[in-house]
Amino acid sequence: MARSNVIIIEDDNEDDEIFVINSATQFQACSSSKKPLLLNKKRKRESKTLYSFCGICMDTKTASEMFDNTGICNHLFCSDCIRQHVAVKIKENLTKVKCPDPSCKGVIGPEACRSIVPKEVLERWESILCESVIMESQKFYCPFKDCSAMLVDDGGVVVTQSECPNCNRLFCAQCKVAWHCGISCVEFQSLKKDERNPNDILLMNLAKEKRWKRCPNCKRFVEKVSGCNYIACRY
């Protein structure tokens, strides 16, 4: 009985290839060469890898090196450039990180960058977003520059002397400054801005203790040692 011709169709994304086998010997030969044939096709596909142009570094990158902001915008930037872009914006305490394209209003979110930005940047980003939810009227920051922890005023009982839970230093919750020991908030607010440092406050306390008077003209403290009550300003 004669063997019928066998037709093998290799179905792939590339051009279809059709082989007509006239004998068992040819079939075996074809079967043994199938693996090299498929490897050749794989190499052909790899040679057609898609490349994209990054709009920041101006380099040509593969698709796997590009940042995917699908659903927001289609501007092309590589993951390395987006990582640096996000880090700079978070360092500036910006809550919204916009697409680097000047004409785009799209926003880059933490979820889209979770796999490319460092952990510390991501944590800082999420912290900034949480802070932005709190009403501006309720939040303020520790007055000590080396701390600057965010604090929340719940609007309850009026509090003056408070302790920062982060640096454990005293500050005035009403004046939002380091604690002005010895003078009231009203007295502190009446001082000029260049008179509100700790040394000036110590001088104020000393003046109260010694009962010094302040010249209404030059604002300097004066002390009566002897003589009449009339004092003329020299300035």
C-alpha atoms as a PDB file:
ATOM      1  CA  MET A   1       0.000   0.000   0.000  1.00  0.00           C
ATOM      2  CA  ALA A   2       1.495   3.335  -1.035  1.00  0.00           C
ATOM      3  CA  ARG A   3       2.034   5.920   1.734  1.00  0.00           C
ATOM      4  CA  SER A   4       0.104   9.134   1.196  1.00  0.00           C
ATOM      5  CA  ASN A   5       1.972  12.425   1.014  1.00  0.00           C
ATOM      6  CA  VAL A   6       2.161  14.154   4.423  1.00  0.00           C
ATOM      7  CA  ILE A   7       1.826  17.930   4.631  1.00  0.00           C
ATOM      8  CA  ILE A   8       3.338  19.653   7.700  1.00  0.00           C
ATOM      9  CA  ILE A   9       2.408  23.266   8.348  1.00  0.00           C
ATOM     10  CA  GLU A  10       4.603  25.304  10.702  1.00  0.00           C
ATOM     11  CA  ASP A  11       2.304  27.962  12.170  1.00  0.00           C
ATOM     12  CA  ASP A  12       4.170  30.953  13.580  1.00  0.00           C
ATOM     13  CA  ASN A  13       3.862  34.711  13.818  1.00  0.00           C
ATOM     14  CA  GLU A  14       6.319  34.960  10.941  1.00  0.00           C
ATOM     15  CA  ASP A  15       5.636  33.680   7.390  1.00  0.00           C
ATOM     16  CA  ASP A  16       3.992  30.217   7.330  1.00  0.00           C
ATOM     17  CA  GLU A  17       6.168  27.437   5.963  1.00  0.00           C
ATOM     18  CA  ILE A  18       4.714  24.334   4.239  1.00  0.00           C
ATOM     19  CA  PHE A  19       6.667  21.113   3.763  1.00  0.00           C
ATOM     20  CA  VAL A  20       5.487  18.250   1.493  1.00  0.00           C
ATOM     21  CA  ILE A  21       6.876  14.875   2.640  1.00  0.00           C
ATOM     22  CA  ASN A  22       6.892  12.061   0.058  1.00  0.00           C
ATOM     23  CA  SER A  23       8.424   9.321   2.171  1.00  0.00           C
ATOM     24  CA  ALA A  24       8.988   8.136   5.723  1.00  0.00           C
ATOM     25  CA  THR A  25      12.679   8.815   5.286  1.00  0.00           C
ATOM     26  CA  GLN A  26      11.993  12.434   4.408  1.00  0.00           C
ATOM     27  CA  PHE A  27       9.602  12.683   7.363  1.00  0.00           C
ATOM     28  CA  GLN A  28      12.286  11.488   9.775  1.00  0.00           C
ATOM     29  CA  ALA A  29      14.814  13.857   8.274  1.00  0.00           C
ATOM     30  CA  CYS A  30      12.399  16.753   8.574  1.00  0.00           C
ATOM     31  CA  SER A  31      11.536  15.867  12.163  1.00  0.00           C
ATOM     32  CA  SER A  32      15.196  15.782  13.136  1.00  0.00           C
ATOM     33  CA  SER A  33      15.741  19.224  11.582  1.00  0.00           C
ATOM     34  CA  LYS A  34      12.657  20.794  13.182  1.00  0.00           C
ATOM     35  CA  LYS A  35      14.501  22.073  16.277  1.00  0.00           C
ATOM     36  CA  PRO A  36      17.233  23.942  14.345  1.00  0.00           C
ATOM     37  CA  LEU A  37      14.518  25.361  12.112  1.00  0.00           C
ATOM     38  CA  LEU A  38      12.629  26.756  15.116  1.00  0.00           C
ATOM     39  CA  LEU A  39      15.851  28.142  16.607  1.00  0.00           C
ATOM     40  CA  ASN A  40      16.512  29.963  13.358  1.00  0.00           C
ATOM     41  CA  LYS A  41      13.024  31.461  13.556  1.00  0.00           C
ATOM     42  CA  LYS A  42      13.680  32.568  17.148  1.00  0.00           C
ATOM     43  CA  ARG A  43      16.866  34.306  16.086  1.00  0.00           C
ATOM     44  CA  LYS A  44      14.923  35.990  13.302  1.00  0.00           C
ATOM     45  CA  ARG A  45      12.353  37.292  15.778  1.00  0.00           C
ATOM     46  CA  GLU A  46      15.075  38.543  18.158  1.00  0.00           C
ATOM     47  CA  SER A  47      16.661  40.449  15.297  1.00  0.00           C
ATOM     48  CA  LYS A  48      13.376  42.329  14.962  1.00  0.00           C
ATOM     49  CA  THR A  49      13.304  43.520  18.637  1.00  0.00           C
ATOM     50  CA  LEU A  50      11.444  46.811  18.956  1.00  0.00           C
ATOM     51  CA  TYR A  51      13.415  49.855  20.070  1.00  0.00           C
ATOM     52  CA  SER A  52      12.135  53.180  21.370  1.00  0.00           C
ATOM     53  CA  PHE A  53      13.631  56.640  21.691  1.00  0.00           C
ATOM     54  CA  CYS A  54      13.750  58.184  25.205  1.00  0.00           C
ATOM     55  CA  GLY A  55      12.713  61.839  25.162  1.00  0.00           C
ATOM     56  CA  ILE A  56      15.002  62.735  28.099  1.00  0.00           C
ATOM     57  CA  CYS A  57      18.374  61.018  27.649  1.00  0.00           C
ATOM     58  CA  MET A  58      17.935  60.808  23.848  1.00  0.00           C
ATOM     59  CA  ASP A  59      19.128  57.190  23.872  1.00  0.00           C
ATOM     60  CA  THR A  60      17.626  54.266  21.998  1.00  0.00           C
ATOM     61  CA  LYS A  61      16.198  51.702  24.423  1.00  0.00           C
ATOM     62  CA  THR A  62      14.521  48.323  24.143  1.00  0.00           C
ATOM     63  CA  ALA A  63      10.855  47.966  25.041  1.00  0.00           C
ATOM     64  CA  SER A  64      11.760  46.337  28.374  1.00  0.00           C
ATOM     65  CA  GLU A  65      13.840  49.398  29.320  1.00  0.00           C
ATOM     66  CA  MET A  66      11.002  51.855  28.713  1.00  0.00           C
ATOM     67  CA  PHE A  67       8.616  53.187  31.370  1.00  0.00           C
ATOM     68  CA  ASP A  68       5.005  52.143  30.935  1.00  0.00           C
ATOM     69  CA  ASN A  69       2.430  54.759  31.923  1.00  0.00           C
ATOM     70  CA  THR A  70      -0.397  53.091  30.019  1.00  0.00           C
ATOM     71  CA  GLY A  71      -3.796  54.638  30.549  1.00  0.00           C
ATOM     72  CA  ILE A  72      -2.352  58.054  31.440  1.00  0.00           C
ATOM     73  CA  CYS A  73      -0.260  59.103  28.459  1.00  0.00           C
ATOM     74  CA  ASN A  74       1.808  57.593  25.642  1.00  0.00           C
ATOM     75  CA  HIS A  75       4.969  59.682  25.939  1.00  0.00           C
ATOM     76  CA  LEU A  76       8.109  57.567  25.767  1.00  0.00           C
ATOM     77  CA  PHE A  77      10.780  57.769  28.463  1.00  0.00           C
ATOM     78  CA  CYS A  78      13.134  55.109  29.765  1.00  0.00           C
ATOM     79  CA  SER A  79      12.791  53.722  33.290  1.00  0.00           C
ATOM     80  CA  ASP A  80      16.165  55.160  34.383  1.00  0.00           C
ATOM     81  CA  CYS A  81      15.144  58.715  33.475  1.00  0.00           C
ATOM     82  CA  ILE A  82      11.716  58.379  35.101  1.00  0.00           C
ATOM     83  CA  ARG A  83      13.384  57.057  38.263  1.00  0.00           C
ATOM     84  CA  GLN A  84      15.561  60.173  38.479  1.00  0.00           C
ATOM     85  CA  HIS A  85      12.655  62.454  37.543  1.00  0.00           C
ATOM     86  CA  VAL A  86      10.493  61.068  40.352  1.00  0.00           C
ATOM     87  CA  ALA A  87      13.322  61.261  42.922  1.00  0.00           C
ATOM     88  CA  VAL A  88      13.898  64.967  42.174  1.00  0.00           C
ATOM     89  CA  LYS A  89      10.193  65.849  42.441  1.00  0.00           C
ATOM     90  CA  ILE A  90       9.767  63.959  45.719  1.00  0.00           C
ATOM     91  CA  LYS A  91      12.830  65.720  47.127  1.00  0.00           C
ATOM     92  CA  GLU A  92      11.006  68.983  46.357  1.00  0.00           C
ATOM     93  CA  ASN A  93       8.000  67.671  48.366  1.00  0.00           C
ATOM     94  CA  LEU A  94       5.686  67.771  45.361  1.00  0.00           C
ATOM     95  CA  THR A  95       2.547  65.674  45.784  1.00  0.00           C
ATOM     96  CA  LYS A  96       1.939  65.327  42.041  1.00  0.00           C
ATOM     97  CA  VAL A  97       4.661  64.073  39.733  1.00  0.00           C
ATOM     98  CA  LYS A  98       3.751  65.138  36.212  1.00  0.00           C
ATOM     99  CA  CYS A  99       4.827  63.528  32.970  1.00  0.00           C
ATOM    100  CA  PRO A 100       8.191  65.028  31.889  1.00  0.00           C
ATOM    101  CA  ASP A 101       6.688  66.109  28.561  1.00  0.00           C
ATOM    102  CA  PRO A 102       5.995  69.882  28.918  1.00  0.00           C
ATOM    103  CA  SER A 103       2.783  69.672  26.895  1.00  0.00           C
ATOM    104  CA  CYS A 104       1.359  66.746  28.895  1.00  0.00           C
ATOM    105  CA  LYS A 105      -0.963  67.075  31.885  1.00  0.00           C
ATOM    106  CA  GLY A 106      -0.671  63.396  32.785  1.00  0.00           C
ATOM    107  CA  VAL A 107       0.399  62.428  36.304  1.00  0.00           C
ATOM    108  CA  ILE A 108       2.735  59.589  37.257  1.00  0.00           C
ATOM    109  CA  GLY A 109       1.483  57.603  40.247  1.00  0.00           C
ATOM    110  CA  PRO A 110       3.390  55.559  42.867  1.00  0.00           C
ATOM    111  CA  GLU A 111       1.904  52.275  41.670  1.00  0.00           C
ATOM    112  CA  ALA A 112       3.301  52.731  38.169  1.00  0.00           C
ATOM    113  CA  CYS A 113       6.776  53.373  39.606  1.00  0.00           C
ATOM    114  CA  ARG A 114       6.805  50.810  42.403  1.00  0.00           C
ATOM    115  CA  SER A 115       9.171  48.490  40.532  1.00  0.00           C
ATOM    116  CA  ILE A 116      11.695  51.140  39.455  1.00  0.00           C
ATOM    117  CA  VAL A 117      12.073  53.729  42.270  1.00  0.00           C
ATOM    118  CA  PRO A 118      14.112  53.049  45.447  1.00  0.00           C
ATOM    119  CA  LYS A 119      12.191  51.992  48.552  1.00  0.00           C
ATOM    120  CA  GLU A 120      13.077  55.147  50.512  1.00  0.00           C
ATOM    121  CA  VAL A 121      11.807  57.394  47.692  1.00  0.00           C
ATOM    122  CA  LEU A 122       8.568  55.431  47.481  1.00  0.00           C
ATOM    123  CA  GLU A 123       8.019  55.661  51.257  1.00  0.00           C
ATOM    124  CA  ARG A 124       8.668  59.414  51.211  1.00  0.00           C
ATOM    125  CA  TRP A 125       6.265  59.772  48.274  1.00  0.00           C
ATOM    126  CA  GLU A 126       3.481  57.943  50.087  1.00  0.00           C
ATOM    127  CA  SER A 127       4.126  60.024  53.222  1.00  0.00           C
ATOM    128  CA  ILE A 128       3.776  63.269  51.246  1.00  0.00           C
ATOM    129  CA  LEU A 129       0.510  62.048  49.734  1.00  0.00           C
ATOM    130  CA  CYS A 130      -0.842  61.248  53.213  1.00  0.00           C
ATOM    131  CA  GLU A 131       0.138  64.706  54.450  1.00  0.00           C
ATOM    132  CA  SER A 132      -1.674  66.343  51.540  1.00  0.00           C
ATOM    133  CA  VAL A 133      -4.946  64.743  52.639  1.00  0.00           C
ATOM    134  CA  ILE A 134      -4.838  66.593  55.972  1.00  0.00           C
ATOM    135  CA  MET A 135      -6.427  70.043  55.851  1.00  0.00           C
ATOM    136  CA  GLU A 136      -3.979  72.932  55.616  1.00  0.00           C
ATOM    137  CA  SER A 137      -5.578  74.637  58.629  1.00  0.00           C
ATOM    138  CA  GLN A 138      -4.881  71.600  60.812  1.00  0.00           C
ATOM    139  CA  LYS A 139      -1.265  70.884  60.037  1.00  0.00           C
ATOM    140  CA  PHE A 140       1.934  72.685  60.988  1.00  0.00           C
ATOM    141  CA  TYR A 141       5.563  71.715  61.401  1.00  0.00           C
ATOM    142  CA  CYS A 142       7.988  71.547  64.290  1.00  0.00           C
ATOM    143  CA  PRO A 143       9.721  74.970  64.416  1.00  0.00           C
ATOM    144  CA  PHE A 144      13.170  73.421  64.864  1.00  0.00           C
ATOM    145  CA  LYS A 145      14.763  73.272  61.419  1.00  0.00           C
ATOM    146  CA  ASP A 146      16.683  70.081  62.144  1.00  0.00           C
ATOM    147  CA  CYS A 147      13.371  68.330  62.882  1.00  0.00           C
ATOM    148  CA  SER A 148      10.475  69.876  60.886  1.00  0.00           C
ATOM    149  CA  ALA A 149       8.174  66.942  61.718  1.00  0.00           C
ATOM    150  CA  MET A 150       4.578  67.434  60.605  1.00  0.00           C
ATOM    151  CA  LEU A 151       2.162  67.969  63.501  1.00  0.00           C
ATOM    152  CA  VAL A 152      -1.631  68.189  63.551  1.00  0.00           C
ATOM    153  CA  ASP A 153      -3.784  70.644  65.481  1.00  0.00           C
ATOM    154  CA  ASP A 154      -7.052  68.843  66.188  1.00  0.00           C
ATOM    155  CA  GLY A 155      -8.774  72.140  67.011  1.00  0.00           C
ATOM    156  CA  GLY A 156      -9.684  71.120  70.571  1.00  0.00           C
ATOM    157  CA  VAL A 157      -8.343  72.745  73.747  1.00  0.00           C
ATOM    158  CA  VAL A 158      -6.088  75.767  73.199  1.00  0.00           C
ATOM    159  CA  VAL A 159      -2.525  74.641  73.899  1.00  0.00           C
ATOM    160  CA  THR A 160       0.554  76.825  74.246  1.00  0.00           C
ATOM    161  CA  GLN A 161       3.519  74.878  75.611  1.00  0.00           C
ATOM    162  CA  SER A 162       3.887  71.647  73.658  1.00  0.00           C
ATOM    163  CA  GLU A 163       6.509  68.975  73.120  1.00  0.00           C
ATOM    164  CA  CYS A 164       7.392  67.702  69.678  1.00  0.00           C
ATOM    165  CA  PRO A 165       6.911  63.911  69.669  1.00  0.00           C
ATOM    166  CA  ASN A 166       9.751  63.564  67.171  1.00  0.00           C
ATOM    167  CA  CYS A 167      12.590  65.638  68.681  1.00  0.00           C
ATOM    168  CA  ASN A 168      11.160  66.010  72.240  1.00  0.00           C
ATOM    169  CA  ARG A 169      11.805  69.762  72.400  1.00  0.00           C
ATOM    170  CA  LEU A 170       9.382  72.353  73.708  1.00  0.00           C
ATOM    171  CA  PHE A 171       7.669  74.833  71.415  1.00  0.00           C
ATOM    172  CA  CYS A 172       4.685  77.185  71.497  1.00  0.00           C
ATOM    173  CA  ALA A 173       1.746  75.674  69.638  1.00  0.00           C
ATOM    174  CA  GLN A 174       0.134  79.103  69.222  1.00  0.00           C
ATOM    175  CA  CYS A 175       3.140  81.100  68.021  1.00  0.00           C
ATOM    176  CA  LYS A 176       4.653  78.115  66.168  1.00  0.00           C
ATOM    177  CA  VAL A 177       8.136  78.886  67.527  1.00  0.00           C
ATOM    178  CA  ALA A 178      10.542  77.458  70.096  1.00  0.00           C
ATOM    179  CA  TRP A 179       9.090  77.859  73.577  1.00  0.00           C
ATOM    180  CA  HIS A 180       9.337  81.509  74.731  1.00  0.00           C
ATOM    181  CA  CYS A 181       9.829  80.865  78.425  1.00  0.00           C
ATOM    182  CA  GLY A 182       8.897  83.752  80.730  1.00  0.00           C
ATOM    183  CA  ILE A 183       6.774  85.827  78.338  1.00  0.00           C
ATOM    184  CA  SER A 184       3.214  85.382  77.143  1.00  0.00           C
ATOM    185  CA  CYS A 185       2.134  84.803  73.556  1.00  0.00           C
ATOM    186  CA  VAL A 186       0.782  88.366  73.401  1.00  0.00           C
ATOM    187  CA  GLU A 187       4.137  89.783  74.503  1.00  0.00           C
ATOM    188  CA  PHE A 188       5.989  87.578  72.061  1.00  0.00           C
ATOM    189  CA  GLN A 189       3.760  88.607  69.157  1.00  0.00           C
ATOM    190  CA  SER A 190       4.349  92.275  70.003  1.00  0.00           C
ATOM    191  CA  LEU A 191       8.090  91.826  69.498  1.00  0.00           C
ATOM    192  CA  LYS A 192       9.698  92.621  66.192  1.00  0.00           C
ATOM    193  CA  LYS A 193      10.864  89.633  64.170  1.00  0.00           C
ATOM    194  CA  ASP A 194      14.513  90.479  64.847  1.00  0.00           C
ATOM    195  CA  GLU A 195      13.814  90.452  68.601  1.00  0.00           C
ATOM    196  CA  ARG A 196      12.357  86.971  68.858  1.00  0.00           C
ATOM    197  CA  ASN A 197      15.495  84.873  69.191  1.00  0.00           C
ATOM    198  CA  PRO A 198      16.222  83.153  72.554  1.00  0.00           C
ATOM    199  CA  ASN A 199      18.750  85.807  73.655  1.00  0.00           C
ATOM    200  CA  ASP A 200      16.220  88.596  73.115  1.00  0.00           C
ATOM    201  CA  ILE A 201      13.662  86.682  75.164  1.00  0.00           C
ATOM    202  CA  LEU A 202      16.185  86.299  77.993  1.00  0.00           C
ATOM    203  CA  LEU A 203      16.699  90.063  77.856  1.00  0.00           C
ATOM    204  CA  MET A 204      12.931  90.572  78.059  1.00  0.00           C
ATOM    205  CA  ASN A 205      12.749  88.394  81.153  1.00  0.00           C
ATOM    206  CA  LEU A 206      15.642  90.273  82.749  1.00  0.00           C
ATOM    207  CA  ALA A 207      13.959  93.610  81.967  1.00  0.00           C
ATOM    208  CA  LYS A 208      10.776  92.438  83.679  1.00  0.00           C
ATOM    209  CA  GLU A 209      12.748  91.282  86.699  1.00  0.00           C
ATOM    210  CA  LYS A 210      14.716  94.544  86.981  1.00  0.00           C
ATOM    211  CA  ARG A 211      11.668  96.648  86.074  1.00  0.00           C
ATOM    212  CA  TRP A 212      13.438  98.329  83.223  1.00  0.00           C
ATOM    213  CA  LYS A 213      11.390 100.606  80.998  1.00  0.00           C
ATOM    214  CA  ARG A 214      11.420 100.718  77.245  1.00  0.00           C
ATOM    215  CA  CYS A 215      11.902 103.994  75.399  1.00  0.00           C
ATOM    216  CA  PRO A 216       8.845 104.591  73.188  1.00  0.00           C
ATOM    217  CA  ASN A 217      11.087 106.213  70.566  1.00  0.00           C
ATOM    218  CA  CYS A 218      14.096 103.903  70.089  1.00  0.00           C
ATOM    219  CA  LYS A 219      12.646 100.850  71.884  1.00  0.00           C
ATOM    220  CA  ARG A 220      15.819 100.427  73.972  1.00  0.00           C
ATOM    221  CA  PHE A 221      15.609  99.413  77.609  1.00  0.00           C
ATOM    222  CA  VAL A 222      16.563 102.049  80.155  1.00  0.00           C
ATOM    223  CA  GLU A 223      17.075 101.886  83.913  1.00  0.00           C
ATOM    224  CA  LYS A 224      16.673 104.771  86.310  1.00  0.00           C
ATOM    225  CA  VAL A 225      19.542 104.873  88.774  1.00  0.00           C
ATOM    226  CA  SER A 226      18.947 108.286  90.349  1.00  0.00           C
ATOM    227  CA  GLY A 227      17.593 111.742  89.638  1.00  0.00           C
ATOM    228  CA  CYS A 228      14.213 112.901  88.381  1.00  0.00           C
ATOM    229  CA  ASN A 229      11.769 110.877  86.378  1.00  0.00           C
ATOM    230  CA  TYR A 230      12.445 112.767  83.134  1.00  0.00           C
ATOM    231  CA  ILE A 231      14.649 110.918  80.626  1.00  0.00           C
ATOM    232  CA  ALA A 232      15.491 112.277  77.152  1.00  0.00           C
ATOM    233  CA  CYS A 233      16.101 109.840  74.276  1.00  0.00           C
ATOM    234  CA  ARG A 234      19.575 110.169  72.769  1.00  0.00           C
ATOM    235  CA  TYR A 235      18.633 108.578  69.451  1.00  0.00           C
END
